[in-house]
Amino acid sequence: MIGTKTFRRPGCITAYAVFCWIVGGLEIVGALCFWGSALSLADREPAVARGELILSIFMSVFGPISVAVGISLWRMNKWGWWIGVVGASLGIAVGVFNLFLASGAAILGALIGLALSGWILYWFIKNRQLFN
């Protein structure tokens, strides 16, 4: 085809995009479940109902965002690259924060999360040219 750009999407980006779709779908389903649960608990447990309603609102917002990020990564859009960089940077910040709060086996989890976020950030910065 004339004027089209051919590229190979790296396997890790394909996996990341599919993961975003799965997480987004689960967040949307979870939002509906928490919303229904909040409605059924409104009379008996108003404090629990408020908490579930707040959780359902957050999940209703972040579910579609996760799906949109997955689409952007699948299409190799530039804003998908930015989301990846910002997300990995936030993961590093949370990992450092968790290192100071964790004790025992949780320190290992914090170190693994920190290493994974660092690797993701490194990959996105190194492969910036792949995103249009």
N, C-alpha and C. Protein backbone atom coordinates (compact mmCIF):
# COMPACT_ATOMS: atom_id res chain seq x y z
N MET A 1 0.84 -1.18 0.00
CA MET A 1 0.00 0.00 0.00
C MET A 1 0.88 1.24 0.00
N ILE A 2 0.44 2.22 -0.70
CA ILE A 2 1.22 3.45 -0.82
C ILE A 2 0.97 4.33 0.40
N GLY A 3 2.05 4.84 0.96
CA GLY A 3 1.94 5.79 2.05
C GLY A 3 1.70 5.17 3.42
N THR A 4 1.78 3.86 3.51
CA THR A 4 1.59 3.25 4.82
C THR A 4 2.94 2.86 5.39
N LYS A 5 3.02 2.92 6.67
CA LYS A 5 4.25 2.59 7.38
C LYS A 5 4.12 1.16 7.90
N THR A 6 5.08 0.32 7.55
CA THR A 6 5.06 -1.03 8.06
C THR A 6 6.03 -1.13 9.22
N PHE A 7 5.61 -1.81 10.26
CA PHE A 7 6.46 -1.98 11.43
C PHE A 7 6.07 -3.28 12.11
N ARG A 8 6.93 -3.72 12.94
CA ARG A 8 6.65 -4.88 13.78
C ARG A 8 6.52 -4.39 15.21
N ARG A 9 5.37 -4.64 15.78
CA ARG A 9 5.15 -4.28 17.18
C ARG A 9 5.93 -5.27 18.03
N PRO A 10 6.76 -4.77 18.94
CA PRO A 10 7.48 -5.70 19.82
C PRO A 10 6.51 -6.54 20.66
N GLY A 11 6.91 -7.76 20.92
CA GLY A 11 6.05 -8.68 21.68
C GLY A 11 5.70 -8.16 23.06
N CYS A 12 6.64 -7.45 23.69
CA CYS A 12 6.35 -6.94 25.04
C CYS A 12 5.26 -5.86 24.99
N ILE A 13 5.21 -5.09 23.92
CA ILE A 13 4.16 -4.07 23.80
C ILE A 13 2.82 -4.75 23.51
N THR A 14 2.84 -5.80 22.70
CA THR A 14 1.61 -6.55 22.45
C THR A 14 1.08 -7.12 23.77
N ALA A 15 1.96 -7.71 24.55
CA ALA A 15 1.54 -8.27 25.84
C ALA A 15 1.03 -7.19 26.78
N TYR A 16 1.71 -6.05 26.80
CA TYR A 16 1.31 -4.93 27.66
C TYR A 16 -0.07 -4.40 27.25
N ALA A 17 -0.30 -4.29 25.93
CA ALA A 17 -1.59 -3.81 25.44
C ALA A 17 -2.71 -4.78 25.82
N VAL A 18 -2.47 -6.07 25.62
CA VAL A 18 -3.49 -7.07 25.99
C VAL A 18 -3.74 -7.04 27.49
N PHE A 19 -2.67 -6.90 28.28
CA PHE A 19 -2.81 -6.79 29.73
C PHE A 19 -3.68 -5.58 30.10
N CYS A 20 -3.46 -4.45 29.43
CA CYS A 20 -4.27 -3.25 29.70
C CYS A 20 -5.73 -3.51 29.38
N TRP A 21 -6.00 -4.22 28.28
CA TRP A 21 -7.39 -4.53 27.93
C TRP A 21 -8.03 -5.43 28.98
N ILE A 22 -7.30 -6.42 29.44
CA ILE A 22 -7.84 -7.33 30.44
C ILE A 22 -8.11 -6.59 31.75
N VAL A 23 -7.13 -5.80 32.19
CA VAL A 23 -7.30 -5.03 33.43
C VAL A 23 -8.46 -4.05 33.29
N GLY A 24 -8.53 -3.35 32.16
CA GLY A 24 -9.62 -2.39 31.94
C GLY A 24 -10.98 -3.07 31.97
N GLY A 25 -11.08 -4.23 31.32
CA GLY A 25 -12.35 -4.97 31.33
C GLY A 25 -12.73 -5.42 32.72
N LEU A 26 -11.74 -5.91 33.48
CA LEU A 26 -12.02 -6.33 34.85
C LEU A 26 -12.41 -5.15 35.73
N GLU A 27 -11.79 -3.99 35.50
CA GLU A 27 -12.17 -2.80 36.28
C GLU A 27 -13.60 -2.37 35.97
N ILE A 28 -13.99 -2.45 34.72
CA ILE A 28 -15.36 -2.07 34.35
C ILE A 28 -16.37 -3.04 34.98
N VAL A 29 -16.10 -4.34 34.89
CA VAL A 29 -16.98 -5.33 35.52
C VAL A 29 -17.00 -5.14 37.04
N GLY A 30 -15.82 -4.91 37.63
CA GLY A 30 -15.74 -4.67 39.07
C GLY A 30 -16.51 -3.43 39.49
N ALA A 31 -16.44 -2.39 38.66
CA ALA A 31 -17.18 -1.16 38.98
C ALA A 31 -18.68 -1.44 39.03
N LEU A 32 -19.17 -2.23 38.08
CA LEU A 32 -20.59 -2.57 38.08
C LEU A 32 -20.96 -3.40 39.31
N CYS A 33 -20.08 -4.33 39.68
CA CYS A 33 -20.35 -5.16 40.86
C CYS A 33 -20.36 -4.33 42.14
N PHE A 34 -19.37 -3.46 42.29
CA PHE A 34 -19.32 -2.62 43.50
C PHE A 34 -20.48 -1.63 43.53
N TRP A 35 -20.88 -1.14 42.38
CA TRP A 35 -22.01 -0.22 42.33
C TRP A 35 -23.28 -0.93 42.78
N GLY A 36 -23.49 -2.14 42.27
CA GLY A 36 -24.66 -2.91 42.68
C GLY A 36 -24.63 -3.27 44.15
N SER A 37 -23.45 -3.62 44.65
CA SER A 37 -23.31 -3.94 46.06
C SER A 37 -23.56 -2.72 46.94
N ALA A 38 -23.07 -1.56 46.49
CA ALA A 38 -23.29 -0.33 47.26
C ALA A 38 -24.78 -0.01 47.35
N LEU A 39 -25.50 -0.22 46.25
CA LEU A 39 -26.94 0.04 46.27
C LEU A 39 -27.66 -0.90 47.22
N SER A 40 -27.23 -2.17 47.25
CA SER A 40 -27.92 -3.11 48.13
C SER A 40 -27.59 -2.91 49.60
N LEU A 41 -26.42 -2.30 49.89
CA LEU A 41 -26.01 -2.07 51.28
C LEU A 41 -26.36 -0.67 51.80
N ALA A 42 -26.94 0.15 50.97
CA ALA A 42 -27.15 1.56 51.33
C ALA A 42 -27.97 1.71 52.62
N ASP A 43 -28.96 0.88 52.84
CA ASP A 43 -29.81 1.01 54.03
C ASP A 43 -29.17 0.37 55.26
N ARG A 44 -28.53 -0.79 55.09
CA ARG A 44 -28.01 -1.54 56.24
C ARG A 44 -26.63 -1.07 56.69
N GLU A 45 -25.74 -0.82 55.76
CA GLU A 45 -24.35 -0.45 56.07
C GLU A 45 -23.95 0.77 55.25
N PRO A 46 -24.39 1.96 55.64
CA PRO A 46 -24.12 3.14 54.81
C PRO A 46 -22.62 3.46 54.66
N ALA A 47 -21.81 3.20 55.67
CA ALA A 47 -20.38 3.49 55.56
C ALA A 47 -19.72 2.57 54.54
N VAL A 48 -20.08 1.29 54.57
CA VAL A 48 -19.53 0.34 53.60
C VAL A 48 -20.03 0.68 52.20
N ALA A 49 -21.30 1.06 52.10
CA ALA A 49 -21.87 1.42 50.80
C ALA A 49 -21.15 2.62 50.20
N ARG A 50 -20.82 3.62 51.03
CA ARG A 50 -20.09 4.80 50.53
C ARG A 50 -18.71 4.39 49.99
N GLY A 51 -18.03 3.52 50.74
CA GLY A 51 -16.72 3.06 50.30
C GLY A 51 -16.78 2.31 48.99
N GLU A 52 -17.78 1.45 48.85
CA GLU A 52 -17.93 0.70 47.61
C GLU A 52 -18.34 1.60 46.46
N LEU A 53 -19.14 2.61 46.74
CA LEU A 53 -19.53 3.56 45.70
C LEU A 53 -18.32 4.35 45.21
N ILE A 54 -17.48 4.79 46.13
CA ILE A 54 -16.25 5.52 45.75
C ILE A 54 -15.35 4.62 44.92
N LEU A 55 -15.20 3.37 45.35
CA LEU A 55 -14.38 2.42 44.61
C LEU A 55 -14.95 2.19 43.21
N SER A 56 -16.26 2.09 43.10
CA SER A 56 -16.87 1.87 41.78
C SER A 56 -16.68 3.08 40.87
N ILE A 57 -16.67 4.28 41.45
CA ILE A 57 -16.43 5.49 40.63
C ILE A 57 -15.00 5.47 40.09
N PHE A 58 -14.03 5.18 40.95
CA PHE A 58 -12.64 5.11 40.49
C PHE A 58 -12.47 4.05 39.41
N MET A 59 -13.07 2.89 39.63
CA MET A 59 -12.94 1.82 38.65
C MET A 59 -13.66 2.16 37.35
N SER A 60 -14.75 2.92 37.44
CA SER A 60 -15.46 3.36 36.23
C SER A 60 -14.63 4.34 35.42
N VAL A 61 -13.77 5.09 36.08
CA VAL A 61 -12.90 6.04 35.38
C VAL A 61 -11.68 5.32 34.82
N PHE A 62 -11.01 4.52 35.65
CA PHE A 62 -9.75 3.92 35.23
C PHE A 62 -9.91 2.72 34.31
N GLY A 63 -11.05 2.06 34.33
CA GLY A 63 -11.28 0.94 33.41
C GLY A 63 -11.21 1.36 31.95
N PRO A 64 -12.03 2.34 31.54
CA PRO A 64 -11.93 2.80 30.15
C PRO A 64 -10.57 3.41 29.81
N ILE A 65 -9.93 4.05 30.78
CA ILE A 65 -8.59 4.60 30.53
C ILE A 65 -7.61 3.46 30.24
N SER A 66 -7.69 2.37 31.00
CA SER A 66 -6.82 1.22 30.75
C SER A 66 -7.05 0.64 29.36
N VAL A 67 -8.30 0.54 28.95
CA VAL A 67 -8.61 0.05 27.61
C VAL A 67 -8.04 0.99 26.55
N ALA A 68 -8.19 2.30 26.74
CA ALA A 68 -7.67 3.28 25.78
C ALA A 68 -6.14 3.22 25.70
N VAL A 69 -5.48 3.05 26.84
CA VAL A 69 -4.02 2.92 26.84
C VAL A 69 -3.61 1.67 26.07
N GLY A 70 -4.34 0.58 26.26
CA GLY A 70 -4.04 -0.64 25.51
C GLY A 70 -4.18 -0.44 24.02
N ILE A 71 -5.21 0.28 23.60
CA ILE A 71 -5.38 0.58 22.17
C ILE A 71 -4.24 1.45 21.67
N SER A 72 -3.85 2.44 22.45
CA SER A 72 -2.75 3.32 22.05
C SER A 72 -1.44 2.56 21.93
N LEU A 73 -1.17 1.67 22.88
CA LEU A 73 0.04 0.86 22.79
C LEU A 73 -0.01 -0.08 21.60
N TRP A 74 -1.17 -0.66 21.33
CA TRP A 74 -1.33 -1.57 20.20
C TRP A 74 -1.03 -0.84 18.89
N ARG A 75 -1.50 0.40 18.80
CA ARG A 75 -1.28 1.20 17.59
C ARG A 75 0.07 1.91 17.58
N MET A 76 0.83 1.78 18.68
CA MET A 76 2.15 2.40 18.81
C MET A 76 2.06 3.93 18.72
N ASN A 77 1.02 4.50 19.32
CA ASN A 77 0.85 5.96 19.34
C ASN A 77 1.81 6.60 20.34
N LYS A 78 2.16 7.86 20.08
CA LYS A 78 3.09 8.58 20.94
C LYS A 78 2.53 8.75 22.36
N TRP A 79 1.23 9.01 22.49
CA TRP A 79 0.71 9.21 23.84
C TRP A 79 0.72 7.91 24.63
N GLY A 80 0.71 6.76 23.96
CA GLY A 80 0.88 5.49 24.66
C GLY A 80 2.28 5.38 25.25
N TRP A 81 3.27 5.92 24.51
CA TRP A 81 4.64 5.95 25.02
C TRP A 81 4.70 6.81 26.29
N TRP A 82 4.05 7.98 26.24
CA TRP A 82 4.06 8.86 27.40
C TRP A 82 3.39 8.21 28.61
N ILE A 83 2.28 7.52 28.38
CA ILE A 83 1.61 6.83 29.48
C ILE A 83 2.53 5.76 30.07
N GLY A 84 3.24 5.04 29.20
CA GLY A 84 4.18 4.03 29.68
C GLY A 84 5.29 4.62 30.52
N VAL A 85 5.84 5.76 30.07
CA VAL A 85 6.93 6.41 30.81
C VAL A 85 6.42 6.95 32.16
N VAL A 86 5.28 7.61 32.15
CA VAL A 86 4.73 8.16 33.39
C VAL A 86 4.35 7.03 34.34
N GLY A 87 3.72 5.98 33.82
CA GLY A 87 3.34 4.85 34.67
C GLY A 87 4.54 4.16 35.30
N ALA A 88 5.59 3.96 34.51
CA ALA A 88 6.80 3.32 35.06
C ALA A 88 7.47 4.24 36.08
N SER A 89 7.47 5.54 35.82
CA SER A 89 8.07 6.48 36.77
C SER A 89 7.30 6.48 38.09
N LEU A 90 5.97 6.44 38.00
CA LEU A 90 5.17 6.35 39.22
C LEU A 90 5.42 5.03 39.94
N GLY A 91 5.63 3.96 39.18
CA GLY A 91 5.94 2.68 39.78
C GLY A 91 7.26 2.71 40.54
N ILE A 92 8.24 3.43 40.01
CA ILE A 92 9.52 3.58 40.71
C ILE A 92 9.32 4.37 42.00
N ALA A 93 8.55 5.45 41.92
CA ALA A 93 8.31 6.26 43.12
C ALA A 93 7.59 5.44 44.19
N VAL A 94 6.60 4.67 43.79
CA VAL A 94 5.87 3.83 44.74
C VAL A 94 6.79 2.75 45.30
N GLY A 95 7.66 2.20 44.46
CA GLY A 95 8.60 1.18 44.93
C GLY A 95 9.56 1.71 45.97
N VAL A 96 10.07 2.91 45.75
CA VAL A 96 10.97 3.52 46.74
C VAL A 96 10.21 3.79 48.03
N PHE A 97 9.00 4.31 47.90
CA PHE A 97 8.17 4.58 49.08
C PHE A 97 7.91 3.29 49.85
N ASN A 98 7.60 2.21 49.12
CA ASN A 98 7.32 0.93 49.77
C ASN A 98 8.53 0.35 50.47
N LEU A 99 9.72 0.64 49.96
CA LEU A 99 10.93 0.14 50.61
C LEU A 99 11.06 0.68 52.04
N PHE A 100 10.63 1.92 52.23
CA PHE A 100 10.72 2.52 53.55
C PHE A 100 9.62 2.03 54.49
N LEU A 101 8.50 1.59 53.93
CA LEU A 101 7.38 1.13 54.75
C LEU A 101 7.36 -0.38 54.97
N ALA A 102 8.00 -1.12 54.07
CA ALA A 102 7.90 -2.57 54.09
C ALA A 102 8.77 -3.18 55.18
N SER A 103 8.38 -4.37 55.57
CA SER A 103 9.20 -5.14 56.51
C SER A 103 9.10 -6.61 56.11
N GLY A 104 10.13 -7.35 56.42
CA GLY A 104 10.12 -8.78 56.14
C GLY A 104 10.04 -9.09 54.66
N ALA A 105 9.13 -10.00 54.32
CA ALA A 105 8.99 -10.46 52.94
C ALA A 105 8.48 -9.37 52.02
N ALA A 106 7.80 -8.36 52.55
CA ALA A 106 7.28 -7.28 51.71
C ALA A 106 8.41 -6.48 51.07
N ILE A 107 9.59 -6.49 51.68
CA ILE A 107 10.74 -5.80 51.09
C ILE A 107 11.10 -6.44 49.75
N LEU A 108 11.03 -7.77 49.68
CA LEU A 108 11.31 -8.47 48.43
C LEU A 108 10.32 -8.05 47.35
N GLY A 109 9.04 -7.95 47.70
CA GLY A 109 8.03 -7.50 46.75
C GLY A 109 8.28 -6.09 46.28
N ALA A 110 8.69 -5.22 47.20
CA ALA A 110 9.00 -3.84 46.83
C ALA A 110 10.20 -3.78 45.89
N LEU A 111 11.20 -4.60 46.15
CA LEU A 111 12.39 -4.64 45.27
C LEU A 111 12.05 -5.17 43.88
N ILE A 112 11.21 -6.19 43.83
CA ILE A 112 10.79 -6.74 42.54
C ILE A 112 9.99 -5.70 41.76
N GLY A 113 9.06 -5.03 42.43
CA GLY A 113 8.28 -3.98 41.78
C GLY A 113 9.15 -2.84 41.29
N LEU A 114 10.13 -2.47 42.09
CA LEU A 114 11.06 -1.40 41.72
C LEU A 114 11.88 -1.81 40.50
N ALA A 115 12.38 -3.03 40.50
CA ALA A 115 13.18 -3.51 39.37
C ALA A 115 12.33 -3.60 38.10
N LEU A 116 11.11 -4.08 38.22
CA LEU A 116 10.23 -4.20 37.05
C LEU A 116 9.89 -2.82 36.49
N SER A 117 9.54 -1.89 37.35
CA SER A 117 9.24 -0.52 36.88
C SER A 117 10.46 0.12 36.24
N GLY A 118 11.64 -0.11 36.83
CA GLY A 118 12.86 0.43 36.24
C GLY A 118 13.15 -0.16 34.87
N TRP A 119 12.92 -1.46 34.72
CA TRP A 119 13.13 -2.09 33.41
C TRP A 119 12.14 -1.55 32.38
N ILE A 120 10.88 -1.41 32.77
CA ILE A 120 9.86 -0.88 31.85
C ILE A 120 10.22 0.54 31.42
N LEU A 121 10.63 1.38 32.37
CA LEU A 121 11.02 2.75 32.04
C LEU A 121 12.22 2.75 31.09
N TYR A 122 13.22 1.93 31.38
CA TYR A 122 14.39 1.82 30.51
C TYR A 122 13.98 1.41 29.10
N TRP A 123 13.09 0.40 28.99
CA TRP A 123 12.66 -0.07 27.68
C TRP A 123 11.96 1.02 26.90
N PHE A 124 11.04 1.73 27.55
CA PHE A 124 10.30 2.79 26.84
C PHE A 124 11.24 3.90 26.39
N ILE A 125 12.18 4.29 27.21
CA ILE A 125 13.12 5.36 26.82
C ILE A 125 14.02 4.89 25.70
N LYS A 126 14.50 3.66 25.79
CA LYS A 126 15.41 3.13 24.77
C LYS A 126 14.71 2.98 23.42
N ASN A 127 13.43 2.65 23.42
CA ASN A 127 12.69 2.37 22.18
C ASN A 127 11.70 3.46 21.81
N ARG A 128 12.00 4.68 22.18
CA ARG A 128 11.10 5.80 21.91
C ARG A 128 10.80 5.96 20.41
N GLN A 129 11.78 5.66 19.58
CA GLN A 129 11.63 5.87 18.14
C GLN A 129 10.58 4.94 17.51
N LEU A 130 10.17 3.90 18.20
CA LEU A 130 9.18 2.98 17.65
C LEU A 130 7.77 3.58 17.66
N PHE A 131 7.55 4.58 18.49
CA PHE A 131 6.21 5.17 18.63
C PHE A 131 6.11 6.41 17.75
N ASN A 132 5.03 6.46 16.94
CA ASN A 132 4.88 7.58 16.00
C ASN A 132 4.24 8.79 16.65
